[in-house]
Amino acid sequence: MSTRKSTLSLIHLVNGNSANVGNGALTEGAERVIEEDFARPIKWSREPWDDYTFGLKQFDQKFVSLINDRSDGMLVGGAVAINGREFYADAGMRFNLPRPLWSQIEAPLVFYGISYRHWDNQPYHHADNLCWTIDHILGRRNMLLALRNDGTREWLSSRFGISGDNLHVIPDPGVFLPAEEDTEYPEFERGRSNVLLAFNDEDAEFRYGSSERRAKMLREIVVAVERMLVRWDVNLILVPHYFDDLRMIADFIDMCKPALAHQRMISTGLARISGSRHFYGRYRKADLIISMRVHSMSPSIGLGTPMIPLTTQNRMSDFLANIGISDLAVDAFDADMADRLTAMIDRVLSDPNDIRGRFGAARQQMRAQARLFNHTAESLFCGLER
């Protein structure tokens, strides 16, 4: 398509039908900063990536034509895409385009902050196809590959020997999501501090290793939460991001003292992309967030809401280290986790402004990094002759 027009037409490949609200943070955050940084206005057309993942649509000639003939290019959203599933037989990742079709993509194709999620005790299926795919992307003048700042580049290097200067790293787009500002939420209580707790029971078999280890972690969280409810007289709001988390919420409630669960806790529901601004409005209003999910952590930082990361995976720890706030994290598997979490809760509720200041500096740093890559992407989208 011609680049000589005022509006840039971009297809955004996103998990558009997912009930995991983190996809809303990724989608809305990416579109926000790109619109701010590109000189030309953008007309977005969101294409549901999850339809391809679950076989409702195919990565085929029609898909290639969608990129080439109906847009000025495609932005592949910053979801988990490198996770070694057995059914990604063509490309070894969720952008599962067969090899013969890659050479037919003529329009710009930009992978915008894709990430890995893989465990040491888990096989990576079709690794040879993943290596071929990444090598092909890096060798194309009309393609850019930007990985999320959560250790994905380092993991690719250590696991598969993939490296190169043109493997870009950009901040998690969820840092930049827009959230509602003046909404009243019935879960919040006036006169009390309102604390959100975001669990994470995704990939539980690999994340926790055993049901006993998961149960021990939950018991430690219960101890710290019950202390907090007594010391700080807070209102605890449980915020599931996906169905997996509901299972952990139920197990957590079973371990809590009945009176505290009955009188001092409440839970929200799930949300799709269309409801993400409303969902994350709670994050803007909260006094503290205890986060076990990446897209509970990154929006908290972007919104400047005090947050304690409770980490269960290297990619969470690597993200925090990348932006210089790893000292705020509590390892969910530490033997003294309850005491460490209690100490962090006391620290943050006693002096929230220190954390807000650090989050503000981290967001500013990440915004500059995103802007730098966005200018590179803009040059590709607006300057490629076809």
Protein backbone atom coordinates (compact mmCIF):
# COMPACT_ATOMS: atom_id res chain seq x y z
CA MET A 1 0.00 0.00 0.00
CA SER A 2 1.13 3.54 -0.62
CA THR A 3 2.82 5.43 2.20
CA ARG A 4 1.73 8.78 0.71
CA LYS A 5 -1.33 9.36 2.85
CA SER A 6 -2.03 11.10 6.12
CA THR A 7 -3.21 8.09 8.12
CA LEU A 8 -1.13 5.00 8.74
CA SER A 9 -3.19 1.81 8.61
CA LEU A 10 -1.81 -0.86 10.95
CA ILE A 11 -3.05 -4.31 11.85
CA HIS A 12 -2.43 -5.15 15.50
CA LEU A 13 -2.26 -8.91 16.14
CA VAL A 14 -3.50 -9.31 19.72
CA ASN A 15 -5.24 -11.85 21.95
CA GLY A 16 -8.46 -10.01 21.28
CA ASN A 17 -10.93 -12.58 22.56
CA SER A 18 -9.04 -13.62 25.67
CA ALA A 19 -10.49 -13.38 29.17
CA ASN A 20 -6.99 -12.65 30.54
CA VAL A 21 -7.03 -8.91 31.21
CA GLY A 22 -3.24 -8.68 30.87
CA ASN A 23 -3.78 -8.77 27.12
CA GLY A 24 -5.64 -5.50 27.49
CA ALA A 25 -2.67 -3.95 29.27
CA LEU A 26 -0.37 -5.04 26.45
CA THR A 27 -2.70 -3.90 23.67
CA GLU A 28 -3.76 -0.55 25.08
CA GLY A 29 -0.27 0.27 26.33
CA ALA A 30 1.39 -0.41 22.98
CA GLU A 31 -1.14 1.55 20.96
CA ARG A 32 -0.93 4.48 23.37
CA VAL A 33 2.83 5.01 23.16
CA ILE A 34 3.00 4.35 19.42
CA GLU A 35 0.29 6.93 18.79
CA GLU A 36 2.20 9.40 20.97
CA ASP A 37 5.50 8.81 19.16
CA PHE A 38 4.54 8.40 15.49
CA ALA A 39 4.17 11.60 13.47
CA ARG A 40 1.24 10.27 11.44
CA PRO A 41 -2.14 9.38 12.90
CA ILE A 42 -2.85 5.66 13.05
CA LYS A 43 -5.91 3.66 12.15
CA TRP A 44 -5.74 0.43 14.11
CA SER A 45 -7.34 -2.81 13.02
CA ARG A 46 -7.10 -5.47 15.71
CA GLU A 47 -6.77 -9.04 14.49
CA PRO A 48 -7.46 -11.77 17.11
CA TRP A 49 -4.26 -13.79 17.51
CA ASP A 50 -6.04 -16.27 19.76
CA ASP A 51 -8.31 -17.25 16.86
CA TYR A 52 -5.18 -18.55 15.11
CA THR A 53 -3.85 -20.21 18.25
CA PHE A 54 -7.04 -22.21 18.72
CA GLY A 55 -7.57 -23.10 15.08
CA LEU A 56 -10.48 -20.82 14.23
CA LYS A 57 -8.27 -19.17 11.61
CA GLN A 58 -5.13 -20.35 9.86
CA PHE A 59 -1.68 -18.90 9.27
CA ASP A 60 -2.02 -19.33 5.52
CA GLN A 61 -2.00 -17.43 2.24
CA LYS A 62 -5.05 -15.47 3.33
CA PHE A 63 -3.18 -14.30 6.41
CA VAL A 64 -0.22 -13.15 4.32
CA SER A 65 -2.62 -11.25 2.04
CA LEU A 66 -4.15 -9.60 5.10
CA ILE A 67 -0.74 -8.12 5.95
CA ASN A 68 0.27 -7.20 2.40
CA ASP A 69 -2.96 -5.96 0.87
CA ARG A 70 -5.08 -4.54 3.67
CA SER A 71 -2.67 -2.43 5.66
CA ASP A 72 0.60 -0.54 5.81
CA GLY A 73 1.96 -3.36 7.95
CA MET A 74 1.36 -5.50 11.02
CA LEU A 75 2.33 -5.02 14.65
CA VAL A 76 2.53 -8.34 16.50
CA GLY A 77 1.47 -7.61 20.07
CA GLY A 78 3.71 -8.22 23.05
CA ALA A 79 2.14 -11.42 24.36
CA VAL A 80 3.84 -14.62 25.45
CA ALA A 81 4.72 -16.11 22.06
CA ILE A 82 7.75 -18.32 22.75
CA ASN A 83 6.51 -21.15 24.95
CA GLY A 84 7.35 -24.37 23.13
CA ARG A 85 3.88 -25.80 22.66
CA GLU A 86 3.73 -29.04 20.69
CA PHE A 87 1.17 -27.70 18.20
CA TYR A 88 3.42 -24.82 17.00
CA ALA A 89 4.98 -27.20 14.49
CA ASP A 90 5.64 -24.69 11.70
CA ALA A 91 7.44 -21.79 13.40
CA GLY A 92 8.13 -23.11 16.90
CA MET A 93 6.19 -20.20 18.40
CA ARG A 94 2.69 -18.72 18.43
CA PHE A 95 3.23 -16.77 15.20
CA ASN A 96 3.03 -20.18 13.59
CA LEU A 97 3.48 -19.26 9.93
CA PRO A 98 4.75 -22.09 7.67
CA ARG A 99 8.24 -21.58 6.21
CA PRO A 100 7.21 -21.21 2.54
CA LEU A 101 4.98 -18.21 3.39
CA TRP A 102 7.52 -16.07 5.23
CA SER A 103 9.20 -14.91 2.02
CA GLN A 104 5.83 -13.74 0.69
CA ILE A 105 5.39 -11.09 3.41
CA GLU A 106 6.21 -7.78 1.74
CA ALA A 107 4.68 -5.26 4.15
CA PRO A 108 6.47 -4.25 7.36
CA LEU A 109 6.13 -6.76 10.18
CA VAL A 110 7.12 -5.65 13.69
CA PHE A 111 7.15 -7.97 16.71
CA TYR A 112 6.52 -5.59 19.57
CA GLY A 113 7.76 -6.92 22.91
CA ILE A 114 7.02 -10.62 22.57
CA SER A 115 8.06 -12.78 25.51
CA TYR A 116 8.89 -16.33 26.53
CA ARG A 117 7.34 -18.46 29.23
CA HIS A 118 9.12 -21.76 29.67
CA TRP A 119 10.29 -23.85 32.58
CA ASP A 120 13.53 -25.75 33.13
CA ASN A 121 11.70 -29.06 33.55
CA GLN A 122 9.55 -28.56 30.45
CA PRO A 123 10.43 -29.69 26.89
CA TYR A 124 10.60 -27.10 24.12
CA HIS A 125 8.95 -28.60 21.06
CA HIS A 126 10.10 -27.65 17.55
CA ALA A 127 13.13 -25.71 18.76
CA ASP A 128 14.78 -26.08 15.35
CA ASN A 129 11.84 -24.30 13.71
CA LEU A 130 11.96 -21.52 16.31
CA CYS A 131 15.66 -20.94 15.55
CA TRP A 132 14.96 -20.86 11.81
CA THR A 133 12.08 -18.42 12.29
CA ILE A 134 14.05 -15.96 14.41
CA ASP A 135 17.02 -16.14 12.05
CA HIS A 136 14.71 -15.42 9.13
CA ILE A 137 13.11 -12.42 10.87
CA LEU A 138 16.51 -10.96 11.74
CA GLY A 139 17.62 -11.29 8.13
CA ARG A 140 14.65 -9.45 6.61
CA ARG A 141 14.74 -5.72 5.85
CA ASN A 142 10.96 -5.38 6.32
CA MET A 143 10.87 -7.03 9.76
CA LEU A 144 11.83 -6.00 13.27
CA LEU A 145 12.00 -8.22 16.34
CA ALA A 146 11.66 -6.52 19.73
CA LEU A 147 11.62 -8.72 22.84
CA ARG A 148 10.15 -7.80 26.20
CA ASN A 149 12.53 -6.60 28.93
CA ASP A 150 12.01 -9.69 31.07
CA GLY A 151 15.09 -11.71 30.17
CA THR A 152 13.69 -13.12 26.93
CA ARG A 153 16.79 -12.13 24.93
CA GLU A 154 19.11 -13.66 27.53
CA TRP A 155 17.00 -16.82 27.69
CA LEU A 156 17.12 -17.24 23.90
CA SER A 157 20.89 -16.86 24.02
CA SER A 158 21.46 -19.35 26.85
CA ARG A 159 18.91 -21.91 25.63
CA PHE A 160 19.41 -21.80 21.86
CA GLY A 161 22.49 -19.66 21.22
CA ILE A 162 20.39 -17.00 19.49
CA SER A 163 21.93 -13.53 19.68
CA GLY A 164 22.55 -10.41 17.64
CA ASP A 165 22.55 -6.63 17.79
CA ASN A 166 19.24 -6.51 15.93
CA LEU A 167 17.48 -8.43 18.70
CA HIS A 168 15.86 -5.36 20.21
CA VAL A 169 14.61 -5.17 23.79
CA ILE A 170 11.73 -2.87 24.75
CA PRO A 171 9.77 -2.29 27.95
CA ASP A 172 6.68 -4.32 28.71
CA PRO A 173 3.93 -2.30 26.95
CA GLY A 174 1.65 -2.96 29.93
CA VAL A 175 3.59 -0.28 31.82
CA PHE A 176 1.95 2.35 29.64
CA LEU A 177 -1.68 1.28 29.70
CA PRO A 178 -4.37 3.93 30.14
CA ALA A 179 -6.69 3.35 33.12
CA GLU A 180 -9.89 5.01 34.26
CA GLU A 181 -9.30 7.78 36.81
CA ASP A 182 -12.54 8.80 38.47
CA THR A 183 -14.53 5.57 38.60
CA GLU A 184 -16.10 4.51 41.88
CA TYR A 185 -15.65 0.80 42.61
CA PRO A 186 -18.03 -0.93 45.04
CA GLU A 187 -15.21 -3.19 46.27
CA PHE A 188 -13.34 -0.20 47.73
CA GLU A 189 -14.07 0.99 51.27
CA ARG A 190 -13.78 4.57 52.44
CA GLY A 191 -11.76 5.16 55.58
CA ARG A 192 -9.57 2.10 55.04
CA SER A 193 -6.52 1.42 52.95
CA ASN A 194 -7.51 -0.72 49.99
CA VAL A 195 -5.02 -3.45 49.09
CA LEU A 196 -5.23 -5.56 45.94
CA LEU A 197 -3.87 -9.11 45.85
CA ALA A 198 -3.28 -10.66 42.40
CA PHE A 199 -2.58 -14.40 42.52
CA ASN A 200 -1.04 -16.48 39.74
CA ASP A 201 -1.90 -20.16 39.30
CA GLU A 202 -0.92 -20.34 35.63
CA ASP A 203 1.25 -23.33 34.65
CA ALA A 204 0.91 -24.48 38.26
CA GLU A 205 2.55 -27.86 37.67
CA PHE A 206 5.77 -26.26 36.42
CA ARG A 207 5.61 -23.01 38.41
CA TYR A 208 5.28 -24.65 41.84
CA GLY A 209 6.74 -28.09 41.23
CA SER A 210 4.37 -29.87 43.60
CA SER A 211 1.06 -29.34 45.35
CA GLU A 212 2.91 -29.35 48.68
CA ARG A 213 5.20 -26.50 47.63
CA ARG A 214 2.22 -24.49 46.35
CA ALA A 215 0.31 -25.09 49.59
CA LYS A 216 3.29 -24.01 51.71
CA MET A 217 3.56 -20.78 49.73
CA LEU A 218 -0.16 -20.10 50.21
CA ARG A 219 0.09 -20.68 53.96
CA GLU A 220 2.92 -18.12 54.13
CA ILE A 221 0.80 -15.60 52.22
CA VAL A 222 -2.11 -16.24 54.61
CA VAL A 223 0.11 -15.49 57.63
CA ALA A 224 1.32 -12.20 56.13
CA VAL A 225 -2.15 -11.15 55.00
CA GLU A 226 -3.76 -11.88 58.36
CA ARG A 227 -1.06 -9.83 60.08
CA MET A 228 -1.72 -6.98 57.66
CA LEU A 229 -5.47 -7.07 58.27
CA VAL A 230 -4.91 -6.72 62.01
CA ARG A 231 -2.04 -4.18 62.00
CA TRP A 232 -3.30 -1.90 59.26
CA ASP A 233 -7.08 -2.35 59.24
CA VAL A 234 -7.14 -2.67 55.46
CA ASN A 235 -9.75 -3.83 53.00
CA LEU A 236 -8.36 -6.71 50.91
CA ILE A 237 -9.55 -6.99 47.31
CA LEU A 238 -8.68 -10.17 45.41
CA VAL A 239 -8.18 -9.43 41.70
CA PRO A 240 -8.06 -12.53 39.47
CA HIS A 241 -6.59 -11.92 36.03
CA TYR A 242 -7.59 -15.26 34.55
CA PHE A 243 -9.57 -18.39 35.48
CA ASP A 244 -6.49 -20.12 36.93
CA ASP A 245 -6.37 -17.51 39.67
CA LEU A 246 -9.88 -18.38 40.88
CA ARG A 247 -8.61 -21.82 41.89
CA MET A 248 -5.86 -20.25 44.00
CA ILE A 249 -8.27 -17.73 45.51
CA ALA A 250 -10.52 -20.58 46.67
CA ASP A 251 -7.58 -22.41 48.26
CA PHE A 252 -6.39 -19.19 49.90
CA ILE A 253 -9.81 -18.46 51.40
CA ASP A 254 -10.02 -21.99 52.78
CA MET A 255 -6.79 -21.34 54.71
CA CYS A 256 -7.85 -17.96 56.14
CA LYS A 257 -9.61 -17.37 59.43
CA PRO A 258 -13.33 -17.40 58.61
CA ALA A 259 -14.07 -14.05 60.24
CA LEU A 260 -11.37 -12.26 58.25
CA ALA A 261 -12.41 -13.84 54.97
CA HIS A 262 -16.07 -13.10 55.65
CA GLN A 263 -15.71 -9.49 56.76
CA ARG A 264 -12.46 -8.09 55.40
CA MET A 265 -12.10 -9.49 51.87
CA ILE A 266 -13.88 -9.19 48.54
CA SER A 267 -13.12 -10.30 44.99
CA THR A 268 -13.55 -8.80 41.54
CA GLY A 269 -14.35 -10.62 38.29
CA LEU A 270 -12.42 -11.07 35.04
CA ALA A 271 -12.24 -8.66 32.10
CA ARG A 272 -11.45 -8.73 28.39
CA ILE A 273 -9.51 -6.08 26.45
CA SER A 274 -12.63 -3.94 26.17
CA GLY A 275 -12.82 -3.78 29.95
CA SER A 276 -9.13 -3.36 30.71
CA ARG A 277 -9.22 0.40 31.35
CA HIS A 278 -12.03 -0.11 33.84
CA PHE A 279 -10.31 -3.11 35.44
CA TYR A 280 -7.01 -1.29 35.89
CA GLY A 281 -8.76 1.76 37.26
CA ARG A 282 -8.76 -0.20 40.52
CA TYR A 283 -4.98 -0.36 40.29
CA ARG A 284 -4.86 3.43 39.98
CA LYS A 285 -7.01 3.89 43.12
CA ALA A 286 -5.40 1.22 45.33
CA ASP A 287 -3.11 2.01 48.25
CA LEU A 288 -1.02 -1.14 47.77
CA ILE A 289 -0.88 -4.06 45.35
CA ILE A 290 0.64 -7.45 46.13
CA SER A 291 1.45 -8.86 42.70
CA MET A 292 2.17 -12.40 41.53
CA ARG A 293 1.41 -11.67 37.86
CA VAL A 294 3.56 -9.79 35.34
CA HIS A 295 0.58 -7.73 34.23
CA SER A 296 -0.22 -6.86 37.76
CA MET A 297 3.37 -5.69 38.32
CA SER A 298 3.98 -3.63 35.19
CA PRO A 299 0.70 -1.61 35.25
CA SER A 300 1.29 -0.83 38.94
CA ILE A 301 4.68 0.63 38.08
CA GLY A 302 3.27 2.63 35.18
CA LEU A 303 0.40 4.01 37.24
CA GLY A 304 2.68 4.79 40.19
CA THR A 305 0.76 2.64 42.66
CA PRO A 306 2.85 1.11 45.47
CA MET A 307 3.35 -2.58 44.72
CA ILE A 308 5.13 -5.57 46.24
CA PRO A 309 6.21 -8.17 43.66
CA LEU A 310 5.84 -11.73 44.91
CA THR A 311 7.97 -13.60 42.39
CA THR A 312 7.66 -17.20 41.23
CA GLN A 313 9.63 -17.14 37.97
CA ASN A 314 12.90 -15.80 36.57
CA ARG A 315 11.19 -13.63 33.97
CA MET A 316 9.51 -11.68 36.78
CA SER A 317 12.79 -11.24 38.66
CA ASP A 318 14.62 -10.32 35.45
CA PHE A 319 12.02 -7.66 34.62
CA LEU A 320 12.41 -6.08 38.06
CA ALA A 321 16.21 -6.21 37.86
CA ASN A 322 16.13 -4.63 34.40
CA ILE A 323 14.43 -1.53 35.81
CA GLY A 324 16.37 -1.38 39.07
CA ILE A 325 13.72 -2.31 41.64
CA SER A 326 14.55 -5.95 42.39
CA ASP A 327 15.13 -5.05 46.05
CA LEU A 328 11.37 -4.61 46.43
CA ALA A 329 10.63 -8.22 45.47
CA VAL A 330 9.82 -11.07 47.80
CA ASP A 331 10.68 -14.58 46.58
CA ALA A 332 7.53 -16.66 47.01
CA PHE A 333 9.60 -19.74 47.86
CA ASP A 334 11.81 -18.25 50.57
CA ALA A 335 11.69 -20.20 53.82
CA ASP A 336 10.85 -17.00 55.74
CA MET A 337 8.53 -15.59 53.07
CA ALA A 338 5.75 -14.65 55.51
CA ASP A 339 8.11 -12.50 57.58
CA ARG A 340 9.69 -10.91 54.49
CA LEU A 341 6.30 -10.14 52.97
CA THR A 342 5.10 -8.68 56.27
CA ALA A 343 8.18 -6.45 56.46
CA MET A 344 7.62 -5.18 52.92
CA ILE A 345 3.92 -4.52 53.60
CA ASP A 346 4.84 -2.53 56.70
CA ARG A 347 7.52 -0.62 54.77
CA VAL A 348 5.30 0.32 51.87
CA LEU A 349 2.21 1.25 53.88
CA SER A 350 4.40 3.33 56.23
CA ASP A 351 6.09 5.27 53.40
CA PRO A 352 4.29 4.86 50.06
CA ASN A 353 5.83 7.98 48.54
CA ASP A 354 9.30 6.42 48.38
CA ILE A 355 7.95 3.60 46.19
CA ARG A 356 5.92 6.01 44.08
CA GLY A 357 9.04 8.04 43.40
CA ARG A 358 11.03 5.00 42.35
CA PHE A 359 8.22 3.80 40.10
CA GLY A 360 8.02 7.23 38.49
CA ALA A 361 11.73 7.17 37.68
CA ALA A 362 11.48 3.62 36.30
CA ARG A 363 8.53 4.56 34.10
CA GLN A 364 10.36 7.59 32.75
CA GLN A 365 13.37 5.44 31.88
CA MET A 366 11.19 2.84 30.15
CA ARG A 367 9.25 5.50 28.27
CA ALA A 368 12.51 6.80 26.77
CA GLN A 369 13.47 3.27 25.74
CA ALA A 370 10.09 2.70 24.10
CA ARG A 371 10.31 6.01 22.25
CA LEU A 372 13.70 5.10 20.81
CA PHE A 373 12.42 1.83 19.36
CA ASN A 374 9.17 3.42 18.21
CA HIS A 375 11.14 5.80 16.00
CA THR A 376 12.88 2.79 14.44
CA ALA A 377 9.53 1.10 13.86
CA GLU A 378 8.06 4.30 12.45
CA SER A 379 10.87 4.54 9.91
CA LEU A 380 10.09 1.01 8.76
CA PHE A 381 6.32 1.47 8.55
CA CYS A 382 6.53 4.84 6.81
CA GLY A 383 9.61 4.44 4.69
CA LEU A 384 9.54 0.99 3.14
CA GLU A 385 9.08 1.05 -0.62
CA ARG A 386 7.02 -1.85 -1.95
